[in-house]
N, C-alpha and C. Protein backbone atom coordinates (compact mmCIF):
# COMPACT_ATOMS: atom_id res chain seq x y z
N MET A 1 57.57 -11.70 -55.88
CA MET A 1 56.51 -12.47 -55.30
C MET A 1 56.53 -12.33 -53.78
N LYS A 2 57.76 -12.21 -53.26
CA LYS A 2 57.91 -12.10 -51.82
C LYS A 2 57.33 -10.78 -51.31
N SER A 3 57.50 -9.72 -52.03
CA SER A 3 56.98 -8.42 -51.60
C SER A 3 55.45 -8.37 -51.69
N VAL A 4 54.85 -9.09 -52.64
CA VAL A 4 53.39 -9.13 -52.76
C VAL A 4 52.79 -9.87 -51.58
N SER A 5 53.39 -11.00 -51.21
CA SER A 5 52.86 -11.77 -50.09
C SER A 5 53.05 -11.02 -48.76
N LEU A 6 54.16 -10.30 -48.60
CA LEU A 6 54.37 -9.50 -47.40
C LEU A 6 53.38 -8.34 -47.33
N THR A 7 53.10 -7.75 -48.47
CA THR A 7 52.13 -6.66 -48.51
C THR A 7 50.73 -7.18 -48.17
N ALA A 8 50.37 -8.34 -48.73
CA ALA A 8 49.06 -8.93 -48.44
C ALA A 8 48.95 -9.32 -46.97
N LEU A 9 50.04 -9.85 -46.41
CA LEU A 9 50.04 -10.22 -45.00
C LEU A 9 49.92 -8.98 -44.12
N GLY A 10 50.63 -7.94 -44.44
CA GLY A 10 50.55 -6.68 -43.68
C GLY A 10 49.17 -6.07 -43.76
N LEU A 11 48.57 -6.11 -44.95
CA LEU A 11 47.22 -5.57 -45.13
C LEU A 11 46.20 -6.38 -44.33
N ALA A 12 46.34 -7.71 -44.32
CA ALA A 12 45.42 -8.58 -43.58
C ALA A 12 45.52 -8.32 -42.08
N VAL A 13 46.74 -8.18 -41.58
CA VAL A 13 46.94 -7.91 -40.15
C VAL A 13 46.37 -6.54 -39.80
N ALA A 14 46.57 -5.56 -40.64
CA ALA A 14 46.06 -4.22 -40.38
C ALA A 14 44.54 -4.20 -40.36
N LEU A 15 43.91 -4.91 -41.28
CA LEU A 15 42.44 -4.94 -41.33
C LEU A 15 41.86 -5.73 -40.15
N GLN A 16 42.52 -6.81 -39.75
CA GLN A 16 42.04 -7.58 -38.61
C GLN A 16 42.20 -6.79 -37.32
N GLY A 17 43.24 -6.07 -37.19
CA GLY A 17 43.47 -5.29 -35.98
C GLY A 17 42.42 -4.21 -35.78
N THR A 18 41.96 -3.61 -36.84
CA THR A 18 40.94 -2.56 -36.71
C THR A 18 39.57 -3.16 -36.39
N SER A 19 39.31 -4.37 -36.87
CA SER A 19 38.00 -4.97 -36.58
C SER A 19 37.91 -5.46 -35.14
N VAL A 20 39.06 -5.72 -34.51
CA VAL A 20 39.04 -6.15 -33.11
C VAL A 20 38.57 -5.01 -32.21
N TRP A 21 39.01 -3.79 -32.53
CA TRP A 21 38.67 -2.66 -31.69
C TRP A 21 37.36 -1.98 -32.09
N ALA A 22 36.71 -2.44 -33.10
CA ALA A 22 35.47 -1.82 -33.56
C ALA A 22 34.32 -2.21 -32.63
N GLY A 23 33.31 -1.41 -32.61
CA GLY A 23 32.12 -1.77 -31.86
C GLY A 23 31.69 -0.73 -30.87
N GLY A 24 32.50 -0.41 -29.92
CA GLY A 24 32.13 0.57 -28.92
C GLY A 24 31.72 -0.11 -27.62
N PRO A 25 31.17 0.66 -26.69
CA PRO A 25 30.81 0.10 -25.39
C PRO A 25 29.58 -0.82 -25.49
N VAL A 26 29.55 -1.82 -24.63
CA VAL A 26 28.42 -2.75 -24.59
C VAL A 26 27.45 -2.24 -23.52
N VAL A 27 26.22 -2.03 -23.92
CA VAL A 27 25.20 -1.53 -23.00
C VAL A 27 24.27 -2.68 -22.67
N ILE A 28 24.15 -3.00 -21.37
CA ILE A 28 23.26 -4.07 -20.93
C ILE A 28 22.06 -3.42 -20.26
N GLU A 29 20.88 -3.68 -20.81
CA GLU A 29 19.66 -3.09 -20.27
C GLU A 29 19.07 -4.02 -19.22
N ASP A 30 18.45 -3.42 -18.20
CA ASP A 30 17.77 -4.22 -17.19
C ASP A 30 16.50 -4.81 -17.79
N THR A 31 16.30 -6.10 -17.59
CA THR A 31 15.10 -6.76 -18.10
C THR A 31 14.08 -6.98 -16.99
N GLU A 32 14.36 -6.45 -15.80
CA GLU A 32 13.45 -6.62 -14.68
C GLU A 32 12.21 -5.75 -14.88
N GLU A 33 11.05 -6.37 -14.76
CA GLU A 33 9.81 -5.63 -14.95
C GLU A 33 9.41 -4.95 -13.65
N VAL A 34 8.86 -3.77 -13.80
CA VAL A 34 8.40 -3.03 -12.63
C VAL A 34 6.93 -3.34 -12.44
N VAL A 35 6.60 -3.86 -11.25
CA VAL A 35 5.22 -4.24 -10.96
C VAL A 35 4.61 -3.17 -10.07
N ALA A 36 3.47 -2.65 -10.49
CA ALA A 36 2.80 -1.62 -9.70
C ALA A 36 2.15 -2.26 -8.48
N GLU A 37 2.34 -1.63 -7.33
CA GLU A 37 1.75 -2.16 -6.11
C GLU A 37 0.28 -1.78 -6.04
N LYS A 38 -0.48 -2.58 -5.27
CA LYS A 38 -1.89 -2.28 -5.08
C LYS A 38 -2.02 -1.02 -4.23
N PRO A 39 -3.03 -0.23 -4.48
CA PRO A 39 -3.23 0.93 -3.62
C PRO A 39 -3.64 0.48 -2.22
N ALA A 40 -3.33 1.29 -1.24
CA ALA A 40 -3.59 0.92 0.16
C ALA A 40 -5.08 0.92 0.48
N THR A 41 -5.92 1.48 -0.38
CA THR A 41 -7.35 1.56 -0.08
C THR A 41 -8.10 0.28 -0.41
N SER A 42 -7.50 -0.64 -1.16
CA SER A 42 -8.20 -1.87 -1.47
C SER A 42 -8.03 -2.84 -0.31
N ILE A 43 -9.14 -3.19 0.37
CA ILE A 43 -9.04 -4.03 1.56
C ILE A 43 -9.39 -5.47 1.28
N GLY A 44 -10.05 -5.76 0.21
CA GLY A 44 -10.39 -7.14 -0.11
C GLY A 44 -11.75 -7.53 0.45
N ILE A 45 -12.15 -8.76 0.18
CA ILE A 45 -13.48 -9.21 0.58
C ILE A 45 -13.47 -9.97 1.89
N LEU A 46 -12.35 -10.55 2.29
CA LEU A 46 -12.30 -11.38 3.49
C LEU A 46 -12.62 -10.59 4.77
N PRO A 47 -12.06 -9.42 5.00
CA PRO A 47 -12.44 -8.68 6.21
C PRO A 47 -13.92 -8.29 6.23
N ILE A 48 -14.49 -8.03 5.09
CA ILE A 48 -15.91 -7.69 5.02
C ILE A 48 -16.76 -8.89 5.40
N LEU A 49 -16.39 -10.07 4.89
CA LEU A 49 -17.15 -11.28 5.23
C LEU A 49 -17.02 -11.61 6.71
N ILE A 50 -15.84 -11.45 7.28
CA ILE A 50 -15.66 -11.72 8.72
C ILE A 50 -16.50 -10.75 9.54
N GLY A 51 -16.55 -9.51 9.14
CA GLY A 51 -17.38 -8.52 9.85
C GLY A 51 -18.85 -8.87 9.78
N ILE A 52 -19.33 -9.32 8.64
CA ILE A 52 -20.74 -9.71 8.50
C ILE A 52 -21.06 -10.91 9.38
N VAL A 53 -20.16 -11.87 9.44
CA VAL A 53 -20.39 -13.07 10.27
C VAL A 53 -20.43 -12.69 11.75
N VAL A 54 -19.54 -11.81 12.18
CA VAL A 54 -19.53 -11.40 13.59
C VAL A 54 -20.80 -10.64 13.93
N ILE A 55 -21.21 -9.73 13.08
CA ILE A 55 -22.43 -8.95 13.33
C ILE A 55 -23.65 -9.86 13.35
N CYS A 56 -23.70 -10.82 12.45
CA CYS A 56 -24.82 -11.76 12.42
C CYS A 56 -24.82 -12.65 13.67
N ALA A 57 -23.65 -13.05 14.13
CA ALA A 57 -23.58 -13.89 15.33
C ALA A 57 -24.08 -13.12 16.55
N ILE A 58 -23.78 -11.83 16.62
CA ILE A 58 -24.25 -11.02 17.75
C ILE A 58 -25.75 -10.77 17.64
N ALA A 59 -26.22 -10.44 16.44
CA ALA A 59 -27.62 -10.09 16.26
C ALA A 59 -28.53 -11.31 16.31
N CYS A 60 -28.06 -12.44 15.88
CA CYS A 60 -28.90 -13.63 15.80
C CYS A 60 -28.70 -14.56 16.98
N ASP A 61 -28.28 -14.04 18.11
CA ASP A 61 -28.00 -14.86 19.28
C ASP A 61 -29.29 -15.52 19.75
N GLN A 62 -29.39 -16.82 19.69
CA GLN A 62 -30.59 -17.58 20.08
C GLN A 62 -30.40 -18.23 21.45
N ASP A 63 -29.43 -17.80 22.20
CA ASP A 63 -29.11 -18.42 23.47
C ASP A 63 -29.90 -17.81 24.63
N ASP A 64 -30.71 -16.82 24.35
CA ASP A 64 -31.44 -16.14 25.42
C ASP A 64 -32.47 -17.08 26.02
N GLU A 65 -32.49 -17.11 27.33
CA GLU A 65 -33.52 -17.89 28.00
C GLU A 65 -34.67 -16.96 28.34
N THR A 66 -35.86 -17.49 28.24
CA THR A 66 -37.01 -16.68 28.62
C THR A 66 -37.09 -16.67 30.15
N PRO A 67 -37.50 -15.55 30.71
CA PRO A 67 -37.59 -15.51 32.17
C PRO A 67 -38.64 -16.51 32.68
N PRO A 68 -38.35 -17.10 33.79
CA PRO A 68 -39.31 -18.09 34.29
C PRO A 68 -40.66 -17.43 34.67
N THR A 69 -41.72 -18.15 34.42
CA THR A 69 -43.05 -17.64 34.76
C THR A 69 -43.30 -17.92 36.23
N PRO A 70 -43.86 -16.98 36.91
CA PRO A 70 -44.12 -17.22 38.35
C PRO A 70 -45.21 -18.27 38.54
N ARG A 71 -45.04 -19.09 39.55
CA ARG A 71 -46.04 -20.12 39.86
C ARG A 71 -47.09 -19.52 40.80
N LEU A 72 -48.29 -19.90 40.58
CA LEU A 72 -49.37 -19.42 41.42
C LEU A 72 -49.83 -20.43 42.39
């Protein structure tokens, strides 16, 4: 009975020892997403609106005084 239990114990230790070393290398993948940048040619709408306002302010200038009429 003693030899059976020693054999079973030896077999259990041998099987556990091999499962500890099983598996191989652990590979960790990057989960960071790559975000594509905007192309440099897209300028947006704000500079266009500012340009329109400036052009309109110059063209629609109502501050001009009429020249005085000569008195007779």
